């Protein structure tokens, strides 16, 4: 009986985590990868969002920014 409850709890927690990640990406709006490192050699390093760009910063390396003003 304990294993059934534990399995049910694990499935519930996993679905909640997946839903939270999806909601976070929607709420992020323009660029969910703001501040994350990227490589300009890749065709689309920061995702499919048009406003999210991979920009080279001298001290940090390349990072994703949202050029609408919401990032960095």
PDB file of N, CA and C in Angstrom:
ATOM      1  N   UNK A   1       0.827  -1.191   0.000  1.00  0.00           N
ATOM      2  CA  UNK A   1       0.000   0.000   0.000  1.00  0.00           C
ATOM      3  C   UNK A   1       0.876   1.262   0.000  1.00  0.00           C
ATOM      4  N   UNK A   2       1.974   1.206   0.721  1.00  0.00           N
ATOM      5  CA  UNK A   2       2.873   2.359   0.780  1.00  0.00           C
ATOM      6  C   UNK A   2       3.484   2.643  -0.584  1.00  0.00           C
ATOM      7  N   UNK A   3       3.811   1.588  -1.332  1.00  0.00           N
ATOM      8  CA  UNK A   3       4.394   1.770  -2.655  1.00  0.00           C
ATOM      9  C   UNK A   3       3.409   2.431  -3.612  1.00  0.00           C
ATOM     10  N   UNK A   4       2.138   2.107  -3.490  1.00  0.00           N
ATOM     11  CA  UNK A   4       1.114   2.715  -4.344  1.00  0.00           C
ATOM     12  C   UNK A   4       1.011   4.201  -4.041  1.00  0.00           C
ATOM     13  N   UNK A   5       1.010   4.554  -2.768  1.00  0.00           N
ATOM     14  CA  UNK A   5       0.944   5.962  -2.382  1.00  0.00           C
ATOM     15  C   UNK A   5       2.198   6.709  -2.837  1.00  0.00           C
ATOM     16  N   UNK A   6       3.344   6.066  -2.695  1.00  0.00           N
ATOM     17  CA  UNK A   6       4.598   6.688  -3.099  1.00  0.00           C
ATOM     18  C   UNK A   6       4.647   6.891  -4.611  1.00  0.00           C
ATOM     19  N   UNK A   7       4.193   5.899  -5.362  1.00  0.00           N
ATOM     20  CA  UNK A   7       4.174   6.025  -6.823  1.00  0.00           C
ATOM     21  C   UNK A   7       3.215   7.127  -7.257  1.00  0.00           C
ATOM     22  N   UNK A   8       2.058   7.205  -6.618  1.00  0.00           N
ATOM     23  CA  UNK A   8       1.091   8.257  -6.938  1.00  0.00           C
ATOM     24  C   UNK A   8       1.676   9.633  -6.635  1.00  0.00           C
ATOM     25  N   UNK A   9       2.340   9.756  -5.509  1.00  0.00           N
ATOM     26  CA  UNK A   9       2.974  11.025  -5.145  1.00  0.00           C
ATOM     27  C   UNK A   9       4.073  11.395  -6.136  1.00  0.00           C
ATOM     28  N   UNK A  10       4.861  10.416  -6.556  1.00  0.00           N
ATOM     29  CA  UNK A  10       5.940  10.681  -7.514  1.00  0.00           C
ATOM     30  C   UNK A  10       5.382  11.154  -8.851  1.00  0.00           C
ATOM     31  N   UNK A  11       4.318  10.533  -9.329  1.00  0.00           N
ATOM     32  CA  UNK A  11       3.695  10.956 -10.590  1.00  0.00           C
ATOM     33  C   UNK A  11       3.133  12.360 -10.449  1.00  0.00           C
ATOM     34  N   UNK A  12       2.481  12.635  -9.325  1.00  0.00           N
ATOM     35  CA  UNK A  12       1.928  13.969  -9.090  1.00  0.00           C
ATOM     36  C   UNK A  12       3.028  15.031  -9.079  1.00  0.00           C
ATOM     37  N   UNK A  13       4.118  14.759  -8.369  1.00  0.00           N
ATOM     38  CA  UNK A  13       5.217  15.727  -8.295  1.00  0.00           C
ATOM     39  C   UNK A  13       5.857  15.952  -9.661  1.00  0.00           C
ATOM     40  N   UNK A  14       6.010  14.899 -10.441  1.00  0.00           N
ATOM     41  CA  UNK A  14       6.595  15.027 -11.770  1.00  0.00           C
ATOM     42  C   UNK A  14       5.717  15.868 -12.688  1.00  0.00           C
ATOM     43  N   UNK A  15       4.411  15.644 -12.651  1.00  0.00           N
ATOM     44  CA  UNK A  15       3.519  16.445 -13.503  1.00  0.00           C
ATOM     45  C   UNK A  15       3.510  17.900 -13.062  1.00  0.00           C
ATOM     46  N   UNK A  16       3.549  18.144 -11.760  1.00  0.00           N
ATOM     47  CA  UNK A  16       3.590  19.524 -11.278  1.00  0.00           C
ATOM     48  C   UNK A  16       4.863  20.224 -11.725  1.00  0.00           C
ATOM     49  N   UNK A  17       5.996  19.525 -11.654  1.00  0.00           N
ATOM     50  CA  UNK A  17       7.261  20.101 -12.090  1.00  0.00           C
ATOM     51  C   UNK A  17       7.211  20.453 -13.571  1.00  0.00           C
ATOM     52  N   UNK A  18       6.678  19.545 -14.389  1.00  0.00           N
ATOM     53  CA  UNK A  18       6.580  19.801 -15.832  1.00  0.00           C
ATOM     54  C   UNK A  18       5.680  20.992 -16.120  1.00  0.00           C
ATOM     55  N   UNK A  19       4.568  21.097 -15.406  1.00  0.00           N
ATOM     56  CA  UNK A  19       3.667  22.227 -15.608  1.00  0.00           C
ATOM     57  C   UNK A  19       4.320  23.537 -15.195  1.00  0.00           C
ATOM     58  N   UNK A  20       5.057  23.529 -14.098  1.00  0.00           N
ATOM     59  CA  UNK A  20       5.728  24.747 -13.640  1.00  0.00           C
ATOM     60  C   UNK A  20       6.769  25.198 -14.652  1.00  0.00           C
ATOM     61  N   UNK A  21       7.528  24.271 -15.216  1.00  0.00           N
ATOM     62  CA  UNK A  21       8.535  24.623 -16.217  1.00  0.00           C
ATOM     63  C   UNK A  21       7.868  25.216 -17.449  1.00  0.00           C
ATOM     64  N   UNK A  22       6.752  24.645 -17.899  1.00  0.00           N
ATOM     65  CA  UNK A  22       6.051  25.177 -19.064  1.00  0.00           C
ATOM     66  C   UNK A  22       5.509  26.565 -18.785  1.00  0.00           C
ATOM     67  N   UNK A  23       4.926  26.766 -17.604  1.00  0.00           N
ATOM     68  CA  UNK A  23       4.385  28.081 -17.253  1.00  0.00           C
ATOM     69  C   UNK A  23       5.508  29.101 -17.151  1.00  0.00           C
ATOM     70  N   UNK A  24       6.638  28.706 -16.591  1.00  0.00           N
ATOM     71  CA  UNK A  24       7.776  29.622 -16.474  1.00  0.00           C
ATOM     72  C   UNK A  24       8.232  30.079 -17.852  1.00  0.00           C
ATOM     73  N   UNK A  25       8.293  29.177 -18.820  1.00  0.00           N
ATOM     74  CA  UNK A  25       8.707  29.549 -20.164  1.00  0.00           C
ATOM     75  C   UNK A  25       7.708  30.489 -20.817  1.00  0.00           C
ATOM     76  N   UNK A  26       6.422  30.312 -20.554  1.00  0.00           N
ATOM     77  CA  UNK A  26       5.411  31.206 -21.115  1.00  0.00           C
ATOM     78  C   UNK A  26       5.506  32.577 -20.465  1.00  0.00           C
ATOM     79  N   UNK A  27       5.677  32.602 -19.126  1.00  0.00           N
ATOM     80  CA  UNK A  27       5.759  33.875 -18.422  1.00  0.00           C
ATOM     81  C   UNK A  27       7.039  34.627 -18.750  1.00  0.00           C
ATOM     82  N   UNK A  28       8.072  33.911 -19.145  1.00  0.00           N
ATOM     83  CA  UNK A  28       9.331  34.572 -19.472  1.00  0.00           C
ATOM     84  C   UNK A  28       9.164  35.500 -20.659  1.00  0.00           C
ATOM     85  N   UNK A  29       8.159  35.220 -21.485  1.00  0.00           N
ATOM     86  CA  UNK A  29       7.846  36.110 -22.587  1.00  0.00           C
ATOM     87  C   UNK A  29       8.820  35.996 -23.720  1.00  0.00           C
ATOM     88  N   UNK A  30       9.644  37.006 -23.906  1.00  0.00           N
ATOM     89  CA  UNK A  30      10.479  37.091 -25.085  1.00  0.00           C
ATOM     90  C   UNK A  30      11.634  36.091 -25.084  1.00  0.00           C
ATOM     91  N   UNK A  31      12.373  35.995 -24.024  1.00  0.00           N
ATOM     92  CA  UNK A  31      13.596  35.192 -24.060  1.00  0.00           C
ATOM     93  C   UNK A  31      13.781  34.446 -22.739  1.00  0.00           C
ATOM     94  N   UNK A  32      13.556  33.148 -22.768  1.00  0.00           N
ATOM     95  CA  UNK A  32      13.670  32.349 -21.547  1.00  0.00           C
ATOM     96  C   UNK A  32      15.124  32.057 -21.183  1.00  0.00           C
ATOM     97  N   UNK A  33      16.060  32.244 -22.106  1.00  0.00           N
ATOM     98  CA  UNK A  33      17.468  31.912 -21.856  1.00  0.00           C
ATOM     99  C   UNK A  33      18.321  33.148 -21.553  1.00  0.00           C
ATOM    100  N   UNK A  34      17.724  34.231 -21.117  1.00  0.00           N
ATOM    101  CA  UNK A  34      18.478  35.451 -20.815  1.00  0.00           C
ATOM    102  C   UNK A  34      19.537  35.158 -19.761  1.00  0.00           C
ATOM    103  N   UNK A  35      20.771  35.562 -20.047  1.00  0.00           N
ATOM    104  CA  UNK A  35      21.866  35.390 -19.113  1.00  0.00           C
ATOM    105  C   UNK A  35      22.595  34.064 -19.215  1.00  0.00           C
ATOM    106  N   UNK A  36      22.077  33.143 -19.996  1.00  0.00           N
ATOM    107  CA  UNK A  36      22.734  31.842 -20.146  1.00  0.00           C
ATOM    108  C   UNK A  36      23.797  31.920 -21.229  1.00  0.00           C
ATOM    109  N   UNK A  37      24.851  31.137 -21.064  1.00  0.00           N
ATOM    110  CA  UNK A  37      25.921  31.117 -22.066  1.00  0.00           C
ATOM    111  C   UNK A  37      25.428  30.496 -23.357  1.00  0.00           C
ATOM    112  N   UNK A  38      26.011  30.934 -24.463  1.00  0.00           N
ATOM    113  CA  UNK A  38      25.619  30.420 -25.773  1.00  0.00           C
ATOM    114  C   UNK A  38      26.837  30.422 -26.692  1.00  0.00           C
ATOM    115  N   UNK A  39      26.675  29.819 -27.842  1.00  0.00           N
ATOM    116  CA  UNK A  39      27.731  29.786 -28.845  1.00  0.00           C
ATOM    117  C   UNK A  39      27.179  30.361 -30.137  1.00  0.00           C
ATOM    118  N   UNK A  40      27.830  31.389 -30.649  1.00  0.00           N
ATOM    119  CA  UNK A  40      27.345  32.013 -31.877  1.00  0.00           C
ATOM    120  C   UNK A  40      27.584  31.138 -33.095  1.00  0.00           C
ATOM    121  N   UNK A  41      28.320  30.037 -32.936  1.00  0.00           N
ATOM    122  CA  UNK A  41      28.552  29.115 -34.046  1.00  0.00           C
ATOM    123  C   UNK A  41      27.310  28.273 -34.343  1.00  0.00           C
ATOM    124  N   UNK A  42      26.418  28.137 -33.363  1.00  0.00           N
ATOM    125  CA  UNK A  42      25.194  27.367 -33.565  1.00  0.00           C
ATOM    126  C   UNK A  42      24.171  28.202 -34.331  1.00  0.00           C
ATOM    127  N   UNK A  43      23.291  27.570 -35.104  1.00  0.00           N
ATOM    128  CA  UNK A  43      22.333  28.328 -35.905  1.00  0.00           C
ATOM    129  C   UNK A  43      21.295  29.082 -35.079  1.00  0.00           C
ATOM    130  N   UNK A  44      20.865  28.552 -33.947  1.00  0.00           N
ATOM    131  CA  UNK A  44      19.845  29.208 -33.139  1.00  0.00           C
ATOM    132  C   UNK A  44      20.129  28.936 -31.662  1.00  0.00           C
ATOM    133  N   UNK A  45      21.193  29.524 -31.101  1.00  0.00           N
ATOM    134  CA  UNK A  45      21.650  29.136 -29.766  1.00  0.00           C
ATOM    135  C   UNK A  45      20.748  29.566 -28.617  1.00  0.00           C
ATOM    136  N   UNK A  46      19.935  30.592 -28.803  1.00  0.00           N
ATOM    137  CA  UNK A  46      19.119  31.101 -27.699  1.00  0.00           C
ATOM    138  C   UNK A  46      17.647  30.729 -27.812  1.00  0.00           C
ATOM    139  N   UNK A  47      17.291  29.930 -28.777  1.00  0.00           N
ATOM    140  CA  UNK A  47      15.899  29.519 -28.916  1.00  0.00           C
ATOM    141  C   UNK A  47      15.255  30.100 -30.154  1.00  0.00           C
ATOM    142  N   UNK A  48      13.965  29.842 -30.282  1.00  0.00           N
ATOM    143  CA  UNK A  48      13.232  30.242 -31.478  1.00  0.00           C
ATOM    144  C   UNK A  48      12.662  31.657 -31.404  1.00  0.00           C
ATOM    145  N   UNK A  49      12.864  32.349 -30.313  1.00  0.00           N
ATOM    146  CA  UNK A  49      12.306  33.686 -30.145  1.00  0.00           C
ATOM    147  C   UNK A  49      13.155  34.683 -30.929  1.00  0.00           C
ATOM    148  N   UNK A  50      12.496  35.537 -31.695  1.00  0.00           N
ATOM    149  CA  UNK A  50      13.198  36.482 -32.569  1.00  0.00           C
ATOM    150  C   UNK A  50      14.006  37.497 -31.768  1.00  0.00           C
ATOM    151  N   UNK A  51      13.502  37.929 -30.617  1.00  0.00           N
ATOM    152  CA  UNK A  51      14.171  38.978 -29.849  1.00  0.00           C
ATOM    153  C   UNK A  51      15.325  38.463 -28.999  1.00  0.00           C
ATOM    154  N   UNK A  52      15.523  37.167 -28.940  1.00  0.00           N
ATOM    155  CA  UNK A  52      16.587  36.584 -28.122  1.00  0.00           C
ATOM    156  C   UNK A  52      17.828  36.379 -28.984  1.00  0.00           C
ATOM    157  N   UNK A  53      18.926  37.041 -28.629  1.00  0.00           N
ATOM    158  CA  UNK A  53      20.155  36.997 -29.431  1.00  0.00           C
ATOM    159  C   UNK A  53      21.339  36.551 -28.593  1.00  0.00           C
ATOM    160  N   UNK A  54      22.276  35.893 -29.248  1.00  0.00           N
ATOM    161  CA  UNK A  54      23.539  35.508 -28.624  1.00  0.00           C
ATOM    162  C   UNK A  54      24.550  36.618 -28.918  1.00  0.00           C
ATOM    163  N   UNK A  55      25.023  37.288 -27.861  1.00  0.00           N
ATOM    164  CA  UNK A  55      25.904  38.439 -28.010  1.00  0.00           C
ATOM    165  C   UNK A  55      27.212  38.162 -27.273  1.00  0.00           C
ATOM    166  N   UNK A  56      28.327  38.532 -27.891  1.00  0.00           N
ATOM    167  CA  UNK A  56      29.640  38.340 -27.271  1.00  0.00           C
ATOM    168  C   UNK A  56      29.926  39.493 -26.316  1.00  0.00           C
ATOM    169  N   UNK A  57      30.175  39.153 -25.057  1.00  0.00           N
ATOM    170  CA  UNK A  57      30.593  40.126 -24.053  1.00  0.00           C
ATOM    171  C   UNK A  57      32.046  39.820 -23.713  1.00  0.00           C
ATOM    172  N   UNK A  58      32.886  40.818 -23.641  1.00  0.00           N
ATOM    173  CA  UNK A  58      34.332  40.616 -23.535  1.00  0.00           C
ATOM    174  C   UNK A  58      34.748  39.829 -22.300  1.00  0.00           C
ATOM    175  N   UNK A  59      34.197  40.118 -21.144  1.00  0.00           N
ATOM    176  CA  UNK A  59      34.619  39.446 -19.924  1.00  0.00           C
ATOM    177  C   UNK A  59      33.891  38.127 -19.683  1.00  0.00           C
ATOM    178  N   UNK A  60      32.670  38.023 -20.142  1.00  0.00           N
ATOM    179  CA  UNK A  60      31.828  36.871 -19.835  1.00  0.00           C
ATOM    180  C   UNK A  60      31.874  35.812 -20.918  1.00  0.00           C
ATOM    181  N   UNK A  61      32.142  36.188 -22.136  1.00  0.00           N
ATOM    182  CA  UNK A  61      31.999  35.291 -23.280  1.00  0.00           C
ATOM    183  C   UNK A  61      30.691  35.621 -23.982  1.00  0.00           C
ATOM    184  N   UNK A  62      30.093  34.659 -24.630  1.00  0.00           N
ATOM    185  CA  UNK A  62      28.821  34.897 -25.304  1.00  0.00           C
ATOM    186  C   UNK A  62      27.670  34.538 -24.381  1.00  0.00           C
ATOM    187  N   UNK A  63      26.635  35.360 -24.381  1.00  0.00           N
ATOM    188  CA  UNK A  63      25.465  35.132 -23.546  1.00  0.00           C
ATOM    189  C   UNK A  63      24.207  35.553 -24.291  1.00  0.00           C
ATOM    190  N   UNK A  64      23.087  34.967 -23.915  1.00  0.00           N
ATOM    191  CA  UNK A  64      21.808  35.306 -24.536  1.00  0.00           C
ATOM    192  C   UNK A  64      21.249  36.569 -23.888  1.00  0.00           C
ATOM    193  N   UNK A  65      20.814  37.501 -24.707  1.00  0.00           N
ATOM    194  CA  UNK A  65      20.151  38.701 -24.203  1.00  0.00           C
ATOM    195  C   UNK A  65      18.851  38.904 -24.965  1.00  0.00           C
ATOM    196  N   UNK A  66      17.947  39.646 -24.356  1.00  0.00           N
ATOM    197  CA  UNK A  66      16.690  40.014 -25.000  1.00  0.00           C
ATOM    198  C   UNK A  66      16.832  41.472 -25.400  1.00  0.00           C
ATOM    199  N   UNK A  67      16.950  41.740 -26.694  1.00  0.00           N
ATOM    200  CA  UNK A  67      17.254  43.099 -27.127  1.00  0.00           C
ATOM    201  C   UNK A  67      16.054  44.023 -27.095  1.00  0.00           C
ATOM    202  N   UNK A  68      14.916  43.584 -26.531  1.00  0.00           N
ATOM    203  CA  UNK A  68      13.786  44.495 -26.336  1.00  0.00           C
ATOM    204  C   UNK A  68      13.944  45.300 -25.057  1.00  0.00           C
ATOM    205  N   UNK A  69      14.965  44.976 -24.264  1.00  0.00           N
ATOM    206  CA  UNK A  69      15.208  45.716 -23.036  1.00  0.00           C
ATOM    207  C   UNK A  69      14.856  44.947 -21.781  1.00  0.00           C
ATOM    208  N   UNK A  70      14.257  43.745 -21.916  1.00  0.00           N
ATOM    209  CA  UNK A  70      13.865  42.967 -20.745  1.00  0.00           C
ATOM    210  C   UNK A  70      14.996  42.115 -20.202  1.00  0.00           C
ATOM    211  N   UNK A  71      16.027  41.893 -20.985  1.00  0.00           N
ATOM    212  CA  UNK A  71      17.095  40.995 -20.559  1.00  0.00           C
ATOM    213  C   UNK A  71      18.300  41.734 -20.034  1.00  0.00           C
ATOM    214  N   UNK A  72      19.217  40.982 -19.456  1.00  0.00           N
ATOM    215  CA  UNK A  72      20.503  41.426 -18.930  1.00  0.00           C
ATOM    216  C   UNK A  72      20.308  42.639 -18.100  1.00  0.00           C
TER     217      UNK A  72
END
